[in-house]
Amino acid sequence: MRVADFLRSYGYLYATAILLGVYCAIGGAARQPVSPFLEIVFMWGIATCVVLWTVLDARTRRCTPCFDFGTFVFFTWFISVPCYLIATRGWRGLLIIFSTIFTMFVVAIGFVIAFVLAGFVP
């Protein structure tokens, strides 16, 4: 997979995760709580990015299993996306799942580090 194809496929998901981490780190460093509105935007933003990627990938592979696949994936994305990845890619789909979880984990660790450092800075 070329870099351009990788960014086209996964760029939105990773950009959303990185923006969430940067916003939380800056807010933690400034000792400002995260806005509830932006919490909801980022929560649904990550889910929307995952769903959009899944629907576009299904259209590219020409394997949409049902007519309203996008709505189904949106409401059951935490179950249907891993099932879709394993069904279309075999066990290599787990690599995508684990890389996405790892990205979210790195963002969360960055937030915790920024929050802890901000707590000890006078």
N, C-alpha and C. Protein backbone atom coordinates (compact mmCIF):
# COMPACT_ATOMS: atom_id res chain seq x y z
N MET A 1 0.85 -1.17 0.00
CA MET A 1 0.00 0.00 0.00
C MET A 1 0.90 1.24 0.00
N ARG A 2 0.62 2.12 -0.92
CA ARG A 2 1.39 3.36 -0.99
C ARG A 2 0.96 4.32 0.11
N VAL A 3 1.82 5.30 0.37
CA VAL A 3 1.54 6.26 1.43
C VAL A 3 0.29 7.08 1.11
N ALA A 4 0.13 7.46 -0.15
CA ALA A 4 -1.06 8.25 -0.54
C ALA A 4 -2.34 7.45 -0.32
N ASP A 5 -2.31 6.16 -0.66
CA ASP A 5 -3.49 5.32 -0.43
C ASP A 5 -3.76 5.14 1.06
N PHE A 6 -2.69 5.00 1.83
CA PHE A 6 -2.85 4.85 3.28
C PHE A 6 -3.48 6.10 3.88
N LEU A 7 -2.98 7.28 3.49
CA LEU A 7 -3.54 8.53 4.03
C LEU A 7 -4.97 8.74 3.58
N ARG A 8 -5.27 8.37 2.34
CA ARG A 8 -6.63 8.51 1.86
C ARG A 8 -7.57 7.59 2.63
N SER A 9 -7.09 6.41 2.97
CA SER A 9 -7.94 5.44 3.66
C SER A 9 -8.08 5.72 5.15
N TYR A 10 -6.95 6.00 5.81
CA TYR A 10 -6.97 6.09 7.27
C TYR A 10 -6.71 7.49 7.80
N GLY A 11 -6.46 8.45 6.95
CA GLY A 11 -6.07 9.79 7.38
C GLY A 11 -7.08 10.48 8.26
N TYR A 12 -8.37 10.37 7.92
CA TYR A 12 -9.40 11.04 8.71
C TYR A 12 -9.47 10.49 10.13
N LEU A 13 -9.36 9.18 10.25
CA LEU A 13 -9.42 8.57 11.57
C LEU A 13 -8.25 9.01 12.44
N TYR A 14 -7.04 8.93 11.89
CA TYR A 14 -5.87 9.31 12.68
C TYR A 14 -5.84 10.81 12.94
N ALA A 15 -6.29 11.62 11.98
CA ALA A 15 -6.33 13.07 12.20
C ALA A 15 -7.31 13.42 13.32
N THR A 16 -8.45 12.76 13.36
CA THR A 16 -9.41 13.01 14.44
C THR A 16 -8.84 12.62 15.79
N ALA A 17 -8.17 11.48 15.84
CA ALA A 17 -7.58 11.03 17.11
C ALA A 17 -6.47 11.99 17.55
N ILE A 18 -5.66 12.44 16.62
CA ILE A 18 -4.56 13.34 16.97
C ILE A 18 -5.10 14.70 17.41
N LEU A 19 -6.13 15.21 16.72
CA LEU A 19 -6.73 16.48 17.13
C LEU A 19 -7.34 16.39 18.52
N LEU A 20 -7.98 15.27 18.82
CA LEU A 20 -8.53 15.08 20.16
C LEU A 20 -7.43 15.10 21.20
N GLY A 21 -6.34 14.40 20.93
CA GLY A 21 -5.23 14.37 21.87
C GLY A 21 -4.59 15.73 22.07
N VAL A 22 -4.40 16.48 20.98
CA VAL A 22 -3.81 17.81 21.09
C VAL A 22 -4.72 18.75 21.87
N TYR A 23 -6.01 18.71 21.58
CA TYR A 23 -6.95 19.57 22.30
C TYR A 23 -6.96 19.24 23.79
N CYS A 24 -7.00 17.95 24.12
CA CYS A 24 -7.02 17.56 25.53
C CYS A 24 -5.71 17.90 26.22
N ALA A 25 -4.59 17.75 25.51
CA ALA A 25 -3.29 18.08 26.11
C ALA A 25 -3.18 19.58 26.37
N ILE A 26 -3.61 20.38 25.43
CA ILE A 26 -3.56 21.84 25.62
C ILE A 26 -4.51 22.25 26.74
N GLY A 27 -5.70 21.67 26.76
CA GLY A 27 -6.64 21.98 27.83
C GLY A 27 -6.13 21.53 29.19
N GLY A 28 -5.48 20.36 29.24
CA GLY A 28 -4.92 19.89 30.49
C GLY A 28 -3.75 20.74 30.95
N ALA A 29 -2.92 21.18 30.01
CA ALA A 29 -1.78 22.02 30.37
C ALA A 29 -2.25 23.39 30.86
N ALA A 30 -3.34 23.88 30.31
CA ALA A 30 -3.87 25.18 30.73
C ALA A 30 -4.82 25.05 31.93
N ARG A 31 -4.99 23.82 32.41
CA ARG A 31 -5.88 23.53 33.54
C ARG A 31 -7.33 23.93 33.25
N GLN A 32 -7.73 23.74 32.02
CA GLN A 32 -9.11 24.00 31.63
C GLN A 32 -9.81 22.67 31.38
N PRO A 33 -11.02 22.52 31.88
CA PRO A 33 -11.73 21.26 31.60
C PRO A 33 -12.13 21.18 30.13
N VAL A 34 -12.26 19.96 29.67
CA VAL A 34 -12.68 19.74 28.29
C VAL A 34 -14.15 20.12 28.18
N SER A 35 -14.48 20.88 27.15
CA SER A 35 -15.85 21.31 26.94
C SER A 35 -16.75 20.09 26.68
N PRO A 36 -17.91 20.01 27.34
CA PRO A 36 -18.81 18.87 27.09
C PRO A 36 -19.25 18.79 25.63
N PHE A 37 -19.42 19.95 24.99
CA PHE A 37 -19.81 19.95 23.58
C PHE A 37 -18.73 19.31 22.72
N LEU A 38 -17.47 19.69 22.95
CA LEU A 38 -16.38 19.12 22.16
C LEU A 38 -16.14 17.66 22.49
N GLU A 39 -16.43 17.25 23.71
CA GLU A 39 -16.35 15.84 24.05
C GLU A 39 -17.30 15.04 23.17
N ILE A 40 -18.52 15.53 23.06
CA ILE A 40 -19.52 14.84 22.23
C ILE A 40 -19.13 14.88 20.76
N VAL A 41 -18.62 16.02 20.29
CA VAL A 41 -18.21 16.14 18.89
C VAL A 41 -17.10 15.14 18.58
N PHE A 42 -16.11 15.05 19.44
CA PHE A 42 -15.02 14.13 19.18
C PHE A 42 -15.45 12.68 19.32
N MET A 43 -16.32 12.39 20.28
CA MET A 43 -16.80 11.03 20.44
C MET A 43 -17.54 10.57 19.19
N TRP A 44 -18.45 11.39 18.71
CA TRP A 44 -19.19 11.03 17.50
C TRP A 44 -18.32 11.19 16.26
N GLY A 45 -17.33 12.09 16.33
CA GLY A 45 -16.43 12.27 15.18
C GLY A 45 -15.59 11.04 14.91
N ILE A 46 -15.08 10.42 15.96
CA ILE A 46 -14.30 9.20 15.77
C ILE A 46 -15.19 8.08 15.24
N ALA A 47 -16.37 7.94 15.79
CA ALA A 47 -17.30 6.92 15.30
C ALA A 47 -17.67 7.18 13.84
N THR A 48 -17.90 8.44 13.49
CA THR A 48 -18.25 8.78 12.12
C THR A 48 -17.10 8.49 11.17
N CYS A 49 -15.88 8.79 11.58
CA CYS A 49 -14.71 8.49 10.74
C CYS A 49 -14.57 6.99 10.50
N VAL A 50 -14.78 6.20 11.53
CA VAL A 50 -14.69 4.75 11.39
C VAL A 50 -15.77 4.24 10.45
N VAL A 51 -16.98 4.75 10.62
CA VAL A 51 -18.10 4.32 9.78
C VAL A 51 -17.88 4.74 8.32
N LEU A 52 -17.46 5.99 8.10
CA LEU A 52 -17.22 6.44 6.73
C LEU A 52 -16.15 5.61 6.05
N TRP A 53 -15.09 5.30 6.78
CA TRP A 53 -14.04 4.48 6.21
C TRP A 53 -14.57 3.10 5.86
N THR A 54 -15.37 2.51 6.74
CA THR A 54 -15.90 1.17 6.49
C THR A 54 -16.83 1.16 5.28
N VAL A 55 -17.69 2.16 5.18
CA VAL A 55 -18.62 2.21 4.04
C VAL A 55 -17.86 2.43 2.74
N LEU A 56 -16.88 3.34 2.73
CA LEU A 56 -16.09 3.57 1.52
C LEU A 56 -15.28 2.34 1.14
N ASP A 57 -14.75 1.65 2.12
CA ASP A 57 -13.99 0.44 1.83
C ASP A 57 -14.90 -0.64 1.26
N ALA A 58 -16.11 -0.76 1.80
CA ALA A 58 -17.06 -1.75 1.28
C ALA A 58 -17.47 -1.43 -0.15
N ARG A 59 -17.65 -0.15 -0.45
CA ARG A 59 -17.98 0.23 -1.84
C ARG A 59 -16.82 -0.02 -2.78
N THR A 60 -15.60 0.26 -2.31
CA THR A 60 -14.43 0.02 -3.14
C THR A 60 -14.27 -1.47 -3.44
N ARG A 61 -14.51 -2.30 -2.46
CA ARG A 61 -14.40 -3.74 -2.63
C ARG A 61 -15.66 -4.35 -3.26
N ARG A 62 -16.69 -3.55 -3.42
CA ARG A 62 -17.98 -3.98 -3.97
C ARG A 62 -18.56 -5.17 -3.19
N CYS A 63 -18.58 -4.99 -1.88
CA CYS A 63 -19.12 -6.06 -1.03
C CYS A 63 -20.02 -5.50 0.07
N THR A 64 -20.90 -4.57 -0.29
CA THR A 64 -21.85 -4.06 0.70
C THR A 64 -22.91 -5.14 0.93
N PRO A 65 -23.03 -5.64 2.14
CA PRO A 65 -23.92 -6.77 2.39
C PRO A 65 -25.41 -6.43 2.40
N CYS A 66 -25.78 -5.17 2.64
CA CYS A 66 -27.19 -4.82 2.66
C CYS A 66 -27.38 -3.42 2.09
N PHE A 67 -28.62 -3.07 1.80
CA PHE A 67 -28.92 -1.79 1.17
C PHE A 67 -28.53 -0.61 2.05
N ASP A 68 -28.89 -0.64 3.32
CA ASP A 68 -28.63 0.46 4.23
C ASP A 68 -27.44 0.14 5.14
N PHE A 69 -26.34 -0.22 4.52
CA PHE A 69 -25.15 -0.66 5.25
C PHE A 69 -24.58 0.44 6.13
N GLY A 70 -24.60 1.70 5.65
CA GLY A 70 -24.03 2.81 6.41
C GLY A 70 -24.74 3.04 7.75
N THR A 71 -26.05 3.03 7.74
CA THR A 71 -26.81 3.24 8.98
C THR A 71 -26.59 2.08 9.94
N PHE A 72 -26.58 0.88 9.41
CA PHE A 72 -26.35 -0.29 10.25
C PHE A 72 -24.98 -0.22 10.92
N VAL A 73 -23.96 0.14 10.15
CA VAL A 73 -22.61 0.22 10.71
C VAL A 73 -22.52 1.37 11.71
N PHE A 74 -23.19 2.48 11.45
CA PHE A 74 -23.12 3.62 12.36
C PHE A 74 -23.65 3.28 13.74
N PHE A 75 -24.76 2.54 13.81
CA PHE A 75 -25.35 2.24 15.10
C PHE A 75 -24.73 1.03 15.79
N THR A 76 -24.01 0.21 15.05
CA THR A 76 -23.38 -0.98 15.64
C THR A 76 -21.90 -1.04 15.30
N TRP A 77 -21.25 0.12 15.21
CA TRP A 77 -19.88 0.15 14.69
C TRP A 77 -18.88 -0.59 15.56
N PHE A 78 -19.08 -0.64 16.85
CA PHE A 78 -18.14 -1.31 17.74
C PHE A 78 -18.17 -2.82 17.56
N ILE A 79 -19.24 -3.35 16.99
CA ILE A 79 -19.34 -4.78 16.70
C ILE A 79 -19.17 -5.05 15.21
N SER A 80 -19.83 -4.26 14.37
CA SER A 80 -19.85 -4.55 12.94
C SER A 80 -18.53 -4.26 12.24
N VAL A 81 -17.77 -3.26 12.69
CA VAL A 81 -16.51 -2.94 12.02
C VAL A 81 -15.48 -4.06 12.21
N PRO A 82 -15.26 -4.56 13.43
CA PRO A 82 -14.34 -5.70 13.53
C PRO A 82 -14.81 -6.92 12.74
N CYS A 83 -16.12 -7.20 12.76
CA CYS A 83 -16.64 -8.32 11.98
C CYS A 83 -16.40 -8.11 10.49
N TYR A 84 -16.63 -6.88 10.01
CA TYR A 84 -16.39 -6.57 8.60
C TYR A 84 -14.91 -6.73 8.24
N LEU A 85 -14.04 -6.23 9.10
CA LEU A 85 -12.61 -6.32 8.81
C LEU A 85 -12.13 -7.76 8.77
N ILE A 86 -12.60 -8.57 9.70
CA ILE A 86 -12.18 -9.98 9.70
C ILE A 86 -12.80 -10.72 8.52
N ALA A 87 -14.03 -10.37 8.14
CA ALA A 87 -14.68 -11.03 7.01
C ALA A 87 -14.02 -10.68 5.69
N THR A 88 -13.57 -9.45 5.53
CA THR A 88 -13.00 -9.04 4.24
C THR A 88 -11.50 -9.24 4.14
N ARG A 89 -10.80 -9.20 5.26
CA ARG A 89 -9.34 -9.28 5.21
C ARG A 89 -8.77 -10.49 5.93
N GLY A 90 -9.62 -11.27 6.54
CA GLY A 90 -9.12 -12.40 7.32
C GLY A 90 -8.48 -11.88 8.60
N TRP A 91 -7.46 -12.57 9.03
CA TRP A 91 -6.82 -12.19 10.28
C TRP A 91 -5.98 -10.94 10.14
N ARG A 92 -5.71 -10.49 8.91
CA ARG A 92 -5.00 -9.22 8.73
C ARG A 92 -5.88 -8.04 9.17
N GLY A 93 -7.17 -8.23 9.23
CA GLY A 93 -8.07 -7.20 9.72
C GLY A 93 -7.82 -6.86 11.18
N LEU A 94 -7.31 -7.83 11.92
CA LEU A 94 -6.98 -7.56 13.32
C LEU A 94 -5.86 -6.53 13.44
N LEU A 95 -4.95 -6.51 12.46
CA LEU A 95 -3.88 -5.52 12.47
C LEU A 95 -4.44 -4.11 12.41
N ILE A 96 -5.45 -3.88 11.59
CA ILE A 96 -6.10 -2.57 11.49
C ILE A 96 -6.80 -2.23 12.80
N ILE A 97 -7.48 -3.21 13.37
CA ILE A 97 -8.18 -2.98 14.64
C ILE A 97 -7.19 -2.61 15.73
N PHE A 98 -6.11 -3.38 15.83
CA PHE A 98 -5.13 -3.11 16.88
C PHE A 98 -4.40 -1.79 16.66
N SER A 99 -4.14 -1.42 15.40
CA SER A 99 -3.47 -0.14 15.15
C SER A 99 -4.38 1.03 15.53
N THR A 100 -5.68 0.89 15.29
CA THR A 100 -6.62 1.94 15.68
C THR A 100 -6.72 2.05 17.21
N ILE A 101 -6.79 0.91 17.88
CA ILE A 101 -6.83 0.93 19.34
C ILE A 101 -5.53 1.50 19.90
N PHE A 102 -4.40 1.14 19.29
CA PHE A 102 -3.12 1.66 19.73
C PHE A 102 -3.05 3.17 19.57
N THR A 103 -3.59 3.70 18.46
CA THR A 103 -3.60 5.14 18.25
C THR A 103 -4.42 5.83 19.33
N MET A 104 -5.59 5.30 19.64
CA MET A 104 -6.41 5.89 20.69
C MET A 104 -5.70 5.80 22.05
N PHE A 105 -4.99 4.70 22.28
CA PHE A 105 -4.26 4.53 23.53
C PHE A 105 -3.13 5.54 23.65
N VAL A 106 -2.40 5.77 22.56
CA VAL A 106 -1.32 6.75 22.58
C VAL A 106 -1.86 8.15 22.84
N VAL A 107 -2.99 8.48 22.24
CA VAL A 107 -3.61 9.78 22.48
C VAL A 107 -4.01 9.91 23.95
N ALA A 108 -4.59 8.86 24.52
CA ALA A 108 -5.00 8.90 25.92
C ALA A 108 -3.78 9.04 26.84
N ILE A 109 -2.71 8.33 26.54
CA ILE A 109 -1.49 8.43 27.35
C ILE A 109 -0.91 9.84 27.25
N GLY A 110 -0.93 10.42 26.05
CA GLY A 110 -0.46 11.79 25.89
C GLY A 110 -1.27 12.77 26.72
N PHE A 111 -2.57 12.55 26.76
CA PHE A 111 -3.43 13.40 27.58
C PHE A 111 -3.10 13.26 29.06
N VAL A 112 -2.90 12.05 29.51
CA VAL A 112 -2.60 11.81 30.93
C VAL A 112 -1.26 12.45 31.29
N ILE A 113 -0.27 12.30 30.43
CA ILE A 113 1.04 12.90 30.68
C ILE A 113 0.93 14.42 30.76
N ALA A 114 0.21 15.02 29.81
CA ALA A 114 0.05 16.48 29.82
C ALA A 114 -0.70 16.94 31.07
N PHE A 115 -1.70 16.18 31.48
CA PHE A 115 -2.47 16.56 32.65
C PHE A 115 -1.63 16.45 33.93
N VAL A 116 -0.84 15.39 34.02
CA VAL A 116 0.01 15.22 35.20
C VAL A 116 1.08 16.29 35.24
N LEU A 117 1.70 16.58 34.11
CA LEU A 117 2.72 17.63 34.08
C LEU A 117 2.13 18.99 34.40
N ALA A 118 0.93 19.25 33.95
CA ALA A 118 0.30 20.54 34.25
C ALA A 118 -0.06 20.63 35.73
N GLY A 119 -0.33 19.51 36.36
CA GLY A 119 -0.67 19.52 37.77
C GLY A 119 0.51 19.86 38.66
N PHE A 120 1.72 19.59 38.18
CA PHE A 120 2.90 19.82 38.99
C PHE A 120 3.61 21.12 38.62
N VAL A 121 3.17 21.80 37.56
CA VAL A 121 3.78 23.08 37.18
C VAL A 121 3.11 24.19 37.96
N PRO A 122 3.89 25.07 38.61
CA PRO A 122 3.26 26.13 39.41
C PRO A 122 2.55 27.16 38.57
